[in-house]
N, C-alpha and C. Protein backbone atom coordinates (compact mmCIF):
# COMPACT_ATOMS: atom_id res chain seq x y z
N MET A 1 15.51 138.79 45.50
CA MET A 1 16.85 138.72 44.98
C MET A 1 16.85 138.81 43.46
N GLY A 2 16.04 139.69 42.92
CA GLY A 2 16.07 139.95 41.51
C GLY A 2 15.71 138.76 40.64
N GLY A 3 14.72 137.96 41.07
CA GLY A 3 14.29 136.85 40.26
C GLY A 3 15.20 135.64 40.30
N ARG A 4 16.02 135.52 41.31
CA ARG A 4 16.94 134.39 41.43
C ARG A 4 16.64 133.63 42.72
N PRO A 5 15.54 132.86 42.75
CA PRO A 5 15.21 132.14 43.98
C PRO A 5 16.23 131.07 44.34
N ASP A 6 17.05 130.66 43.36
CA ASP A 6 18.06 129.63 43.60
C ASP A 6 19.37 130.22 44.11
N LEU A 7 19.42 131.54 44.29
CA LEU A 7 20.66 132.21 44.68
C LEU A 7 20.77 132.31 46.20
N VAL A 8 21.93 131.91 46.72
CA VAL A 8 22.23 132.02 48.14
C VAL A 8 23.47 132.90 48.27
N ILE A 9 23.42 133.87 49.20
CA ILE A 9 24.59 134.69 49.50
C ILE A 9 25.12 134.20 50.84
N ARG A 10 26.38 133.83 50.86
CA ARG A 10 26.98 133.28 52.07
C ARG A 10 28.40 133.80 52.23
N SER A 11 28.96 133.57 53.40
CA SER A 11 30.34 133.96 53.66
C SER A 11 31.32 133.05 52.89
N TYR A 12 32.44 133.63 52.54
CA TYR A 12 33.52 132.92 51.87
C TYR A 12 34.03 131.76 52.72
N ARG A 13 34.35 130.66 52.06
CA ARG A 13 35.03 129.52 52.68
C ARG A 13 36.34 129.30 51.94
N THR A 14 37.36 128.83 52.63
CA THR A 14 38.68 128.70 52.00
C THR A 14 38.65 127.80 50.77
N ASN A 15 37.75 126.82 50.73
CA ASN A 15 37.71 125.95 49.56
C ASN A 15 37.03 126.62 48.36
N ASP A 16 36.58 127.88 48.49
CA ASP A 16 36.02 128.64 47.37
C ASP A 16 37.10 129.28 46.51
N ALA A 17 38.32 129.35 47.00
CA ALA A 17 39.35 130.17 46.35
C ALA A 17 39.54 129.85 44.88
N LYS A 18 39.65 128.59 44.53
CA LYS A 18 39.89 128.24 43.13
C LYS A 18 38.73 128.69 42.24
N ALA A 19 37.50 128.42 42.64
CA ALA A 19 36.33 128.81 41.84
C ALA A 19 36.23 130.33 41.72
N LEU A 20 36.54 131.06 42.79
CA LEU A 20 36.46 132.51 42.73
C LEU A 20 37.56 133.09 41.86
N GLY A 21 38.71 132.44 41.83
CA GLY A 21 39.78 132.85 40.91
C GLY A 21 39.34 132.71 39.46
N VAL A 22 38.64 131.63 39.16
CA VAL A 22 38.12 131.43 37.80
C VAL A 22 37.07 132.48 37.48
N ILE A 23 36.18 132.78 38.44
CA ILE A 23 35.17 133.83 38.23
C ILE A 23 35.85 135.15 37.92
N PHE A 24 36.85 135.52 38.71
CA PHE A 24 37.59 136.77 38.50
C PHE A 24 38.18 136.80 37.08
N HIS A 25 38.89 135.75 36.71
CA HIS A 25 39.56 135.71 35.41
C HIS A 25 38.55 135.77 34.26
N ARG A 26 37.48 135.02 34.36
CA ARG A 26 36.46 135.05 33.30
C ARG A 26 35.75 136.40 33.25
N ALA A 27 35.48 136.99 34.40
CA ALA A 27 34.83 138.30 34.42
C ALA A 27 35.70 139.35 33.73
N VAL A 28 37.00 139.30 33.98
CA VAL A 28 37.92 140.24 33.32
C VAL A 28 37.97 139.98 31.82
N HIS A 29 38.19 138.73 31.44
CA HIS A 29 38.44 138.43 30.02
C HIS A 29 37.18 138.37 29.17
N GLU A 30 36.06 137.94 29.73
CA GLU A 30 34.82 137.85 28.94
C GLU A 30 33.87 139.00 29.29
N GLY A 31 33.64 139.21 30.57
CA GLY A 31 32.67 140.22 31.00
C GLY A 31 33.09 141.64 30.69
N ALA A 32 34.39 141.93 30.79
CA ALA A 32 34.88 143.30 30.58
C ALA A 32 35.38 143.54 29.16
N ALA A 33 35.15 142.58 28.25
CA ALA A 33 35.67 142.68 26.89
C ALA A 33 35.16 143.92 26.14
N GLU A 34 33.95 144.36 26.46
CA GLU A 34 33.40 145.52 25.74
C GLU A 34 34.04 146.83 26.18
N ARG A 35 34.71 146.85 27.33
CA ARG A 35 35.27 148.10 27.85
C ARG A 35 36.80 148.14 27.90
N TYR A 36 37.45 146.98 27.81
CA TYR A 36 38.91 146.92 27.89
C TYR A 36 39.46 146.09 26.73
N SER A 37 40.59 146.51 26.21
CA SER A 37 41.21 145.82 25.08
C SER A 37 41.80 144.48 25.54
N PRO A 38 42.10 143.57 24.61
CA PRO A 38 42.75 142.31 24.99
C PRO A 38 44.05 142.54 25.77
N LYS A 39 44.84 143.52 25.35
CA LYS A 39 46.10 143.83 26.05
C LYS A 39 45.82 144.27 27.49
N GLU A 40 44.82 145.11 27.68
CA GLU A 40 44.47 145.57 29.02
C GLU A 40 43.98 144.41 29.89
N ARG A 41 43.17 143.54 29.31
CA ARG A 41 42.63 142.41 30.07
C ARG A 41 43.73 141.41 30.44
N ARG A 42 44.69 141.20 29.54
CA ARG A 42 45.82 140.31 29.85
C ARG A 42 46.66 140.88 30.99
N ALA A 43 46.83 142.20 31.02
CA ALA A 43 47.59 142.83 32.10
C ALA A 43 46.83 142.76 33.42
N TRP A 44 45.54 142.93 33.38
CA TRP A 44 44.68 142.90 34.57
C TRP A 44 44.65 141.50 35.17
N SER A 45 44.53 140.48 34.33
CA SER A 45 44.48 139.10 34.80
C SER A 45 45.20 138.21 33.78
N PRO A 46 46.52 138.07 33.94
CA PRO A 46 47.28 137.28 32.96
C PRO A 46 46.90 135.80 32.96
N SER A 47 46.43 135.31 34.10
CA SER A 47 46.01 133.91 34.23
C SER A 47 45.08 133.81 35.44
N VAL A 48 44.48 132.65 35.61
CA VAL A 48 43.67 132.43 36.81
C VAL A 48 44.61 132.58 38.01
N PRO A 49 44.23 133.34 39.03
CA PRO A 49 45.13 133.56 40.17
C PRO A 49 45.55 132.25 40.84
N ASP A 50 46.76 132.26 41.34
CA ASP A 50 47.28 131.13 42.13
C ASP A 50 46.36 130.90 43.32
N THR A 51 45.91 129.68 43.50
CA THR A 51 44.90 129.38 44.52
C THR A 51 45.37 129.76 45.92
N ALA A 52 46.63 129.47 46.27
CA ALA A 52 47.11 129.76 47.63
C ALA A 52 47.13 131.26 47.91
N SER A 53 47.65 132.06 46.98
CA SER A 53 47.71 133.50 47.21
C SER A 53 46.31 134.12 47.16
N TRP A 54 45.47 133.61 46.29
CA TRP A 54 44.09 134.10 46.18
C TRP A 54 43.33 133.77 47.47
N ARG A 55 43.53 132.57 48.00
CA ARG A 55 42.89 132.15 49.25
C ARG A 55 43.26 133.13 50.37
N ALA A 56 44.53 133.50 50.44
CA ALA A 56 44.98 134.43 51.48
C ALA A 56 44.34 135.80 51.29
N ARG A 57 44.31 136.30 50.05
CA ARG A 57 43.72 137.62 49.80
C ARG A 57 42.24 137.65 50.18
N LEU A 58 41.50 136.61 49.80
CA LEU A 58 40.07 136.57 50.09
C LEU A 58 39.80 136.43 51.58
N ALA A 59 40.65 135.70 52.29
CA ALA A 59 40.46 135.48 53.72
C ALA A 59 40.76 136.74 54.53
N GLU A 60 41.58 137.64 53.99
CA GLU A 60 41.93 138.87 54.70
C GLU A 60 40.78 139.86 54.75
N ALA A 61 39.79 139.66 53.92
CA ALA A 61 38.67 140.61 53.81
C ALA A 61 37.37 139.94 54.23
N GLU A 62 36.35 140.75 54.33
CA GLU A 62 34.98 140.26 54.54
C GLU A 62 34.47 139.91 53.14
N THR A 63 34.52 138.64 52.78
CA THR A 63 34.17 138.21 51.42
C THR A 63 32.87 137.43 51.46
N VAL A 64 31.97 137.77 50.54
CA VAL A 64 30.70 137.04 50.41
C VAL A 64 30.62 136.45 49.01
N VAL A 65 29.96 135.31 48.94
CA VAL A 65 29.87 134.52 47.71
C VAL A 65 28.41 134.34 47.33
N ALA A 66 28.12 134.52 46.06
CA ALA A 66 26.79 134.21 45.51
C ALA A 66 26.88 132.82 44.91
N GLU A 67 25.96 131.96 45.33
CA GLU A 67 26.03 130.57 44.92
C GLU A 67 24.66 130.09 44.45
N THR A 68 24.67 129.32 43.38
CA THR A 68 23.47 128.62 42.90
C THR A 68 23.74 127.13 43.14
N PRO A 69 22.76 126.26 42.87
CA PRO A 69 23.03 124.83 43.03
C PRO A 69 24.21 124.33 42.18
N GLU A 70 24.53 125.04 41.10
CA GLU A 70 25.65 124.65 40.25
C GLU A 70 27.00 125.10 40.81
N GLY A 71 27.01 126.01 41.78
CA GLY A 71 28.26 126.49 42.36
C GLY A 71 28.31 128.00 42.42
N PRO A 72 29.46 128.57 42.84
CA PRO A 72 29.60 130.02 42.94
C PRO A 72 29.44 130.70 41.58
N VAL A 73 28.75 131.85 41.60
CA VAL A 73 28.56 132.64 40.38
C VAL A 73 29.06 134.07 40.53
N GLY A 74 29.49 134.46 41.74
CA GLY A 74 30.00 135.80 41.96
C GLY A 74 30.48 135.98 43.38
N PHE A 75 31.19 137.09 43.61
CA PHE A 75 31.68 137.38 44.96
C PHE A 75 32.03 138.85 45.07
N MET A 76 32.04 139.34 46.31
CA MET A 76 32.50 140.69 46.64
C MET A 76 33.27 140.61 47.94
N SER A 77 34.24 141.52 48.09
CA SER A 77 35.00 141.55 49.33
C SER A 77 35.16 142.98 49.82
N LEU A 78 35.10 143.11 51.13
CA LEU A 78 35.20 144.39 51.80
C LEU A 78 36.36 144.34 52.78
N ASP A 79 37.29 145.28 52.61
CA ASP A 79 38.38 145.45 53.56
C ASP A 79 37.89 146.47 54.58
N VAL A 80 37.40 145.96 55.72
CA VAL A 80 36.77 146.82 56.73
C VAL A 80 37.75 147.87 57.25
N GLY A 81 38.99 147.47 57.52
CA GLY A 81 39.99 148.39 58.07
C GLY A 81 40.28 149.56 57.15
N ARG A 82 40.26 149.31 55.85
CA ARG A 82 40.52 150.37 54.87
C ARG A 82 39.23 151.02 54.37
N ARG A 83 38.08 150.51 54.81
CA ARG A 83 36.77 151.00 54.34
C ARG A 83 36.71 150.93 52.81
N TYR A 84 37.16 149.80 52.27
CA TYR A 84 37.39 149.67 50.84
C TYR A 84 36.72 148.42 50.28
N LEU A 85 35.85 148.61 49.29
CA LEU A 85 35.26 147.48 48.58
C LEU A 85 36.32 147.05 47.55
N ASP A 86 36.94 145.91 47.81
CA ASP A 86 38.12 145.51 47.05
C ASP A 86 37.78 144.76 45.77
N LEU A 87 36.98 143.74 45.85
CA LEU A 87 36.70 142.87 44.71
C LEU A 87 35.19 142.76 44.50
N ALA A 88 34.77 142.79 43.24
CA ALA A 88 33.35 142.64 42.91
C ALA A 88 33.27 142.03 41.52
N PHE A 89 33.04 140.73 41.45
CA PHE A 89 33.05 140.03 40.16
C PHE A 89 31.96 138.98 40.10
N VAL A 90 31.34 138.85 38.93
CA VAL A 90 30.36 137.79 38.69
C VAL A 90 30.70 137.13 37.35
N LEU A 91 30.25 135.90 37.20
CA LEU A 91 30.44 135.20 35.92
C LEU A 91 29.76 135.99 34.81
N PRO A 92 30.34 136.01 33.63
CA PRO A 92 29.72 136.76 32.53
C PRO A 92 28.26 136.36 32.28
N GLU A 93 27.95 135.08 32.39
CA GLU A 93 26.57 134.65 32.15
C GLU A 93 25.63 135.05 33.29
N ALA A 94 26.16 135.49 34.42
CA ALA A 94 25.33 135.94 35.54
C ALA A 94 25.16 137.46 35.56
N MET A 95 25.86 138.16 34.67
CA MET A 95 25.73 139.62 34.62
C MET A 95 24.30 139.99 34.25
N GLY A 96 23.76 140.99 34.96
CA GLY A 96 22.42 141.47 34.67
C GLY A 96 21.30 140.62 35.24
N THR A 97 21.64 139.67 36.11
CA THR A 97 20.61 138.79 36.68
C THR A 97 20.31 139.08 38.15
N GLY A 98 20.90 140.13 38.70
CA GLY A 98 20.66 140.46 40.10
C GLY A 98 21.71 139.93 41.06
N VAL A 99 22.68 139.18 40.57
CA VAL A 99 23.70 138.61 41.44
C VAL A 99 24.51 139.71 42.12
N ALA A 100 25.01 140.67 41.33
CA ALA A 100 25.83 141.74 41.91
C ALA A 100 25.03 142.55 42.93
N GLY A 101 23.78 142.85 42.61
CA GLY A 101 22.95 143.61 43.55
C GLY A 101 22.73 142.86 44.85
N SER A 102 22.53 141.56 44.77
CA SER A 102 22.35 140.75 45.98
C SER A 102 23.63 140.71 46.82
N LEU A 103 24.77 140.55 46.15
CA LEU A 103 26.05 140.57 46.86
C LEU A 103 26.26 141.93 47.52
N TYR A 104 26.01 142.99 46.75
CA TYR A 104 26.25 144.33 47.26
C TYR A 104 25.39 144.63 48.49
N ALA A 105 24.14 144.22 48.47
CA ALA A 105 23.26 144.47 49.62
C ALA A 105 23.85 143.87 50.89
N VAL A 106 24.41 142.68 50.79
CA VAL A 106 25.02 142.04 51.97
C VAL A 106 26.29 142.77 52.38
N ILE A 107 27.12 143.15 51.42
CA ILE A 107 28.37 143.87 51.73
C ILE A 107 28.06 145.20 52.42
N GLU A 108 27.10 145.95 51.89
CA GLU A 108 26.78 147.24 52.51
C GLU A 108 26.20 147.03 53.91
N SER A 109 25.38 146.03 54.08
CA SER A 109 24.82 145.73 55.40
C SER A 109 25.94 145.40 56.39
N ARG A 110 26.91 144.61 55.95
CA ARG A 110 28.03 144.26 56.83
C ARG A 110 28.91 145.47 57.12
N ALA A 111 29.07 146.35 56.15
CA ALA A 111 29.84 147.57 56.38
C ALA A 111 29.16 148.43 57.45
N ARG A 112 27.86 148.58 57.33
CA ARG A 112 27.11 149.36 58.32
C ARG A 112 27.20 148.70 59.71
N ALA A 113 27.07 147.37 59.74
CA ALA A 113 27.14 146.65 61.01
C ALA A 113 28.52 146.79 61.66
N SER A 114 29.54 147.01 60.85
CA SER A 114 30.90 147.21 61.36
C SER A 114 31.13 148.66 61.80
N GLY A 115 30.12 149.50 61.65
CA GLY A 115 30.23 150.89 62.07
C GLY A 115 30.83 151.81 61.02
N LEU A 116 30.98 151.32 59.80
CA LEU A 116 31.55 152.17 58.75
C LEU A 116 30.51 153.17 58.29
N THR A 117 30.97 154.38 58.00
CA THR A 117 30.07 155.43 57.53
C THR A 117 30.39 155.86 56.10
N ARG A 118 31.51 155.34 55.56
CA ARG A 118 31.92 155.71 54.21
C ARG A 118 32.70 154.56 53.62
N LEU A 119 32.49 154.32 52.33
CA LEU A 119 33.23 153.29 51.60
C LEU A 119 33.87 153.89 50.36
N THR A 120 34.99 153.31 49.94
CA THR A 120 35.60 153.68 48.67
C THR A 120 35.84 152.40 47.86
N THR A 121 36.00 152.60 46.58
CA THR A 121 36.38 151.51 45.68
C THR A 121 37.03 152.11 44.45
N GLU A 122 37.73 151.27 43.72
CA GLU A 122 38.25 151.64 42.41
C GLU A 122 37.48 150.78 41.41
N ALA A 123 36.49 151.39 40.78
CA ALA A 123 35.57 150.66 39.91
C ALA A 123 36.06 150.64 38.48
N SER A 124 35.98 149.47 37.87
CA SER A 124 36.30 149.36 36.46
C SER A 124 35.27 150.14 35.65
N LEU A 125 35.59 150.35 34.37
CA LEU A 125 34.64 151.03 33.49
C LEU A 125 33.34 150.25 33.39
N LEU A 126 33.42 148.93 33.50
CA LEU A 126 32.23 148.09 33.45
C LEU A 126 31.41 148.19 34.73
N ALA A 127 32.08 148.27 35.89
CA ALA A 127 31.39 148.28 37.18
C ALA A 127 30.87 149.66 37.58
N GLU A 128 31.43 150.71 37.04
CA GLU A 128 31.05 152.06 37.45
C GLU A 128 29.55 152.32 37.38
N PRO A 129 28.85 151.98 36.29
CA PRO A 129 27.40 152.23 36.26
C PRO A 129 26.64 151.48 37.36
N PHE A 130 27.08 150.26 37.67
CA PHE A 130 26.46 149.51 38.76
C PHE A 130 26.58 150.28 40.07
N PHE A 131 27.79 150.75 40.39
CA PHE A 131 27.99 151.48 41.64
C PHE A 131 27.23 152.80 41.66
N LEU A 132 27.15 153.47 40.53
CA LEU A 132 26.35 154.71 40.48
C LEU A 132 24.89 154.41 40.84
N ARG A 133 24.37 153.29 40.36
CA ARG A 133 22.98 152.91 40.69
C ARG A 133 22.81 152.59 42.17
N GLN A 134 23.89 152.25 42.84
CA GLN A 134 23.83 151.93 44.28
C GLN A 134 24.06 153.18 45.14
N GLY A 135 24.16 154.35 44.52
CA GLY A 135 24.32 155.59 45.27
C GLY A 135 25.75 156.05 45.47
N TRP A 136 26.69 155.44 44.77
CA TRP A 136 28.09 155.87 44.84
C TRP A 136 28.28 157.08 43.95
N ARG A 137 29.40 157.80 44.17
CA ARG A 137 29.75 158.92 43.30
C ARG A 137 31.21 158.78 42.88
N VAL A 138 31.50 159.31 41.71
CA VAL A 138 32.88 159.30 41.20
C VAL A 138 33.65 160.43 41.87
N VAL A 139 34.75 160.09 42.52
CA VAL A 139 35.64 161.08 43.11
C VAL A 139 36.57 161.62 42.02
N ARG A 140 37.16 160.69 41.24
CA ARG A 140 38.01 161.08 40.12
C ARG A 140 38.22 159.88 39.20
N ARG A 141 38.50 160.20 37.97
CA ARG A 141 38.89 159.19 36.98
C ARG A 141 40.40 159.04 37.09
N GLN A 142 40.87 157.83 36.91
CA GLN A 142 42.30 157.62 37.09
C GLN A 142 42.79 156.49 36.19
N LYS A 143 44.10 156.39 36.10
CA LYS A 143 44.76 155.30 35.38
C LYS A 143 45.62 154.57 36.41
N VAL A 144 45.54 153.24 36.38
CA VAL A 144 46.37 152.42 37.26
C VAL A 144 47.21 151.50 36.39
N GLU A 145 48.41 151.22 36.84
CA GLU A 145 49.34 150.40 36.07
C GLU A 145 49.25 148.95 36.50
N ARG A 146 49.12 148.06 35.52
CA ARG A 146 49.15 146.62 35.75
C ARG A 146 50.08 146.03 34.71
N LEU A 147 51.18 145.46 35.18
CA LEU A 147 52.15 144.81 34.28
C LEU A 147 52.56 145.72 33.13
N GLY A 148 52.78 146.99 33.44
CA GLY A 148 53.24 147.95 32.44
C GLY A 148 52.16 148.52 31.54
N VAL A 149 50.92 148.16 31.78
CA VAL A 149 49.80 148.65 30.97
C VAL A 149 48.93 149.54 31.85
N MET A 150 48.53 150.69 31.32
CA MET A 150 47.68 151.61 32.07
C MET A 150 46.20 151.27 31.82
N LEU A 151 45.47 151.08 32.92
CA LEU A 151 44.04 150.76 32.86
C LEU A 151 43.23 151.92 33.44
N SER A 152 42.16 152.27 32.78
CA SER A 152 41.28 153.34 33.28
C SER A 152 40.29 152.76 34.27
N ASN A 153 40.05 153.52 35.34
CA ASN A 153 38.99 153.18 36.27
C ASN A 153 38.53 154.44 36.97
N ALA A 154 37.65 154.29 37.93
CA ALA A 154 37.12 155.45 38.66
C ALA A 154 37.28 155.20 40.16
N LEU A 155 37.88 156.13 40.84
CA LEU A 155 37.87 156.11 42.30
C LEU A 155 36.48 156.61 42.70
N MET A 156 35.78 155.80 43.48
CA MET A 156 34.40 156.12 43.86
C MET A 156 34.25 156.03 45.37
N GLU A 157 33.23 156.70 45.88
CA GLU A 157 32.94 156.63 47.31
C GLU A 157 31.44 156.66 47.54
N LYS A 158 31.07 156.16 48.71
CA LYS A 158 29.67 156.22 49.12
C LYS A 158 29.61 156.59 50.59
N ASP A 159 28.80 157.60 50.88
CA ASP A 159 28.51 157.99 52.25
C ASP A 159 27.37 157.11 52.73
N LEU A 160 27.65 156.24 53.68
CA LEU A 160 26.63 155.31 54.15
C LEU A 160 25.58 155.98 55.03
N ASN A 161 25.83 157.21 55.46
CA ASN A 161 24.85 157.95 56.25
C ASN A 161 23.87 158.71 55.37
N ALA A 162 24.23 158.94 54.10
CA ALA A 162 23.35 159.69 53.20
C ALA A 162 22.06 158.91 52.99
N GLY A 163 20.96 159.60 53.09
CA GLY A 163 19.67 158.99 52.83
C GLY A 163 19.10 158.18 53.97
N GLU A 164 19.80 158.12 55.11
CA GLU A 164 19.27 157.34 56.24
C GLU A 164 17.95 157.90 56.75
N ALA A 165 17.80 159.22 56.66
CA ALA A 165 16.56 159.82 57.15
C ALA A 165 15.37 159.36 56.29
N ALA A 166 15.67 159.07 55.02
CA ALA A 166 14.60 158.63 54.12
C ALA A 166 14.31 157.14 54.28
N ALA A 167 15.20 156.43 54.88
CA ALA A 167 15.04 154.97 54.98
C ALA A 167 14.04 154.57 56.04
């Protein structure tokens, strides 16, 4: 797990919602600061998400949590019905430590186990290089509106059947 023997990847629990909302907000405001302006980050995450609505959103998807003895440090969610990797966030201090890769390995495994052969996501400018390293490709660059502010991202996809012969 990339040098993180203390890291456990587990399924989401409803009592994780508040901590994951904080991770999301900090990842946007601190982790994405090099790629998005303060105005863009405020539009993307004006505040820590409301725990009740965040709990519902996370429960609707296949969500996995990366946890150390200190608590959650990241999470990813997969909407199996839409074949869509919806959320992928880690604490700024956990960036570059293997947390995202460990989460992604579990998400892709679960996608394959669900019979999915293709995934899509809308990757932030910060996340795009990570997904490229995982074998994703950019379908198109796009702008999405959040609270009247246009944010750049990349629509990406991955063919889960590609490279199976080599595996």
